[in-house]
Amino acid sequence: MMRKTATAVCGAAMLAMGMTGCASTFEGSGSKDAASAEQLAMRLDDPWAQEASSDARAKAEGTLADGVYTGEGKGMEGPITVTLLVQDNRISCLETTQEGESQSRGGYEAIRDGKFATMIEAVQGADIDAVSGATITTAGVKQAVEDALSQAEAAAAGATASQGGEAR
């Protein structure tokens, strides 16, 4: 009986020593799952932390009449409206709203946090980058900006025609 106990204890000890080499650690394990988000953040810069910058002297392309214009586009779950202020061919986004966009989707947060408004002002038009997780919402915002800008262009063309001259 002593021999069986000794064999069992030795077997258990060998198994325990063998299993210690299988532990998954951050360094050298080759497993990406072993690293916590905090550990990875200490090693990598955040590529999404870049802020959209705008040039205060940049102006929109084309001829736009000064005024406030509201355009509408189709979002994921409802209409999206963008209200733009045009002054001296410079666009400022006064408001971006949505009806029905889900809070769990990226477009809702981008509208609420002003990310779309910042991008519109940075590019001075509708050519904004897509927001991750909000591709359809981004397309709706672009559509709304294009709608508002077409109203501003039409107003400029109407003003030029009423003056009997060409736009300069």
Protein backbone atom coordinates (compact mmCIF):
# COMPACT_ATOMS: atom_id res chain seq x y z
CA MET A 1 0.00 0.00 0.00
CA MET A 2 2.92 2.31 0.76
CA ARG A 3 4.26 1.72 -2.71
CA LYS A 4 0.94 2.75 -4.37
CA THR A 5 0.79 5.92 -2.30
CA ALA A 6 4.39 6.83 -3.15
CA THR A 7 3.72 6.19 -6.84
CA ALA A 8 0.57 8.34 -6.73
CA VAL A 9 2.37 11.19 -4.93
CA CYS A 10 5.30 11.08 -7.37
CA GLY A 11 2.90 10.99 -10.34
CA ALA A 12 0.96 13.97 -9.00
CA ALA A 13 4.19 15.91 -8.38
CA MET A 14 5.43 15.22 -11.93
CA LEU A 15 2.07 16.22 -13.38
CA ALA A 16 2.06 19.48 -11.36
CA MET A 17 5.61 20.32 -12.45
CA GLY A 18 4.73 19.60 -16.07
CA MET A 19 1.63 21.79 -15.96
CA THR A 20 3.50 24.87 -14.67
CA GLY A 21 5.16 25.24 -18.05
CA CYS A 22 1.72 25.57 -19.69
CA ALA A 23 0.69 28.73 -17.85
CA SER A 24 -0.24 31.58 -20.18
CA THR A 25 1.52 34.84 -19.40
CA PHE A 26 1.73 38.13 -21.25
CA GLU A 27 5.40 38.03 -22.17
CA GLY A 28 6.57 35.27 -24.46
CA SER A 29 3.45 33.11 -24.50
CA GLY A 30 2.67 33.87 -28.13
CA SER A 31 -0.98 34.30 -27.23
CA LYS A 32 -2.65 37.63 -28.01
CA ASP A 33 -5.51 36.70 -25.69
CA ALA A 34 -3.16 36.66 -22.73
CA ALA A 35 -2.55 40.40 -22.93
CA SER A 36 -5.04 42.63 -21.21
CA ALA A 37 -6.28 45.77 -22.91
CA GLU A 38 -4.39 47.80 -20.34
CA GLN A 39 -1.13 46.05 -21.17
CA LEU A 40 -1.63 46.59 -24.88
CA ALA A 41 -2.50 50.25 -24.35
CA MET A 42 0.80 50.76 -22.56
CA ARG A 43 2.65 49.61 -25.68
CA LEU A 44 0.67 51.15 -28.55
CA ASP A 45 -0.45 54.65 -29.45
CA ASP A 46 -4.16 55.00 -30.05
CA PRO A 47 -4.61 55.43 -33.83
CA TRP A 48 -8.15 56.79 -33.35
CA ALA A 49 -7.16 59.55 -30.94
CA GLN A 50 -6.52 62.01 -33.77
CA GLU A 51 -8.69 65.10 -33.73
CA ALA A 52 -10.08 66.57 -36.93
CA SER A 53 -8.39 69.88 -37.51
CA SER A 54 -9.88 72.70 -39.49
CA ASP A 55 -8.25 75.64 -41.17
CA ALA A 56 -9.98 78.86 -40.11
CA ARG A 57 -9.28 80.34 -43.56
CA ALA A 58 -10.57 77.34 -45.54
CA LYS A 59 -13.69 77.90 -47.59
CA ALA A 60 -16.17 75.67 -49.33
CA GLU A 61 -15.86 75.04 -53.05
CA GLY A 62 -18.32 76.69 -55.40
CA THR A 63 -20.39 79.81 -54.85
CA LEU A 64 -22.70 79.70 -51.86
CA ALA A 65 -25.20 82.32 -50.72
CA ASP A 66 -24.89 83.40 -47.10
CA GLY A 67 -27.61 82.06 -44.83
CA VAL A 68 -28.80 79.10 -42.80
CA TYR A 69 -29.67 75.93 -44.71
CA THR A 70 -31.10 72.63 -43.45
CA GLY A 71 -30.60 69.45 -45.44
CA GLU A 72 -32.03 66.00 -44.91
CA GLY A 73 -30.58 62.55 -45.48
CA LYS A 74 -31.62 58.96 -44.77
CA GLY A 75 -29.99 57.30 -41.77
CA MET A 76 -30.05 53.71 -40.58
CA GLU A 77 -33.41 54.00 -38.82
CA GLY A 78 -34.78 57.42 -39.73
CA PRO A 79 -34.08 60.86 -41.17
CA ILE A 80 -30.95 62.84 -40.35
CA THR A 81 -30.92 66.63 -40.60
CA VAL A 82 -27.92 68.92 -40.81
CA THR A 83 -28.24 72.67 -40.35
CA LEU A 84 -25.41 74.72 -41.85
CA LEU A 85 -24.52 78.38 -41.55
CA VAL A 86 -22.82 79.77 -44.64
CA GLN A 87 -20.94 83.06 -44.30
CA ASP A 88 -18.52 84.27 -46.97
CA ASN A 89 -18.33 80.72 -48.43
CA ARG A 90 -17.32 79.32 -45.03
CA ILE A 91 -19.44 76.50 -43.58
CA SER A 92 -20.26 76.15 -39.89
CA CYS A 93 -22.36 73.23 -38.71
CA LEU A 94 -25.03 74.57 -36.35
CA GLU A 95 -26.85 71.32 -35.66
CA THR A 96 -26.90 67.65 -36.61
CA THR A 97 -29.96 65.68 -35.53
CA GLN A 98 -31.32 62.21 -36.04
CA GLU A 99 -34.63 60.50 -35.46
CA GLY A 100 -34.67 56.83 -34.60
CA GLU A 101 -30.96 56.02 -34.64
CA SER A 102 -30.19 53.37 -32.01
CA GLN A 103 -28.06 54.34 -29.05
CA SER A 104 -26.07 51.14 -29.46
CA ARG A 105 -24.77 52.15 -32.87
CA GLY A 106 -21.78 54.37 -33.65
CA GLY A 107 -23.78 56.95 -35.59
CA TYR A 108 -25.86 57.94 -32.58
CA GLU A 109 -22.75 58.76 -30.55
CA ALA A 110 -21.04 60.53 -33.44
CA ILE A 111 -24.06 62.81 -33.89
CA ARG A 112 -24.49 63.38 -30.14
CA ASP A 113 -20.78 64.03 -29.53
CA GLY A 114 -20.45 66.44 -32.47
CA LYS A 115 -17.98 64.27 -34.39
CA PHE A 116 -19.87 64.69 -37.66
CA ALA A 117 -20.16 68.47 -37.14
CA THR A 118 -16.41 68.72 -36.54
CA MET A 119 -15.63 66.71 -39.69
CA ILE A 120 -18.04 68.80 -41.82
CA GLU A 121 -16.35 72.01 -40.70
CA ALA A 122 -12.87 70.52 -41.18
CA VAL A 123 -13.48 69.53 -44.81
CA GLN A 124 -15.85 72.43 -45.57
CA GLY A 125 -18.29 70.12 -47.30
CA ALA A 126 -19.81 66.67 -47.46
CA ASP A 127 -16.62 64.70 -48.15
CA ILE A 128 -16.29 63.40 -44.57
CA ASP A 129 -14.67 60.15 -43.47
CA ALA A 130 -16.89 57.25 -42.46
CA VAL A 131 -17.30 56.62 -38.76
CA SER A 132 -16.60 53.04 -37.72
CA GLY A 133 -19.86 51.25 -36.98
CA ALA A 134 -21.88 54.03 -38.62
CA THR A 135 -21.46 53.60 -42.37
CA ILE A 136 -25.13 54.14 -43.21
CA THR A 137 -25.45 57.04 -40.77
CA THR A 138 -22.34 58.63 -42.29
CA ALA A 139 -23.91 58.31 -45.75
CA GLY A 140 -27.08 59.97 -44.42
CA VAL A 141 -25.07 62.85 -42.96
CA LYS A 142 -23.24 63.31 -46.29
CA GLN A 143 -26.58 63.30 -48.07
CA ALA A 144 -27.97 65.94 -45.68
CA VAL A 145 -24.89 68.17 -46.12
CA GLU A 146 -25.11 67.88 -49.91
CA ASP A 147 -28.82 68.80 -49.72
CA ALA A 148 -28.09 71.89 -47.60
CA LEU A 149 -25.20 72.96 -49.85
CA SER A 150 -27.33 72.53 -53.00
CA GLN A 151 -29.86 74.94 -51.43
CA ALA A 152 -27.04 77.44 -50.80
CA GLU A 153 -25.80 77.06 -54.39
CA ALA A 154 -29.31 77.50 -55.77
CA ALA A 155 -29.76 80.65 -53.66
CA ALA A 156 -26.45 82.00 -54.98
CA ALA A 157 -27.47 81.23 -58.56
CA GLY A 158 -30.84 82.92 -58.01
CA ALA A 159 -29.18 86.02 -56.58
CA THR A 160 -26.77 86.16 -59.53
CA ALA A 161 -29.58 85.73 -62.06
CA SER A 162 -31.66 88.48 -60.44
CA GLN A 163 -28.64 90.82 -60.70
CA GLY A 164 -28.28 89.97 -64.37
CA GLY A 165 -24.63 88.96 -64.14
CA GLU A 166 -22.40 85.99 -63.72
CA ALA A 167 -21.03 84.61 -60.49
CA ARG A 168 -17.48 85.70 -59.81
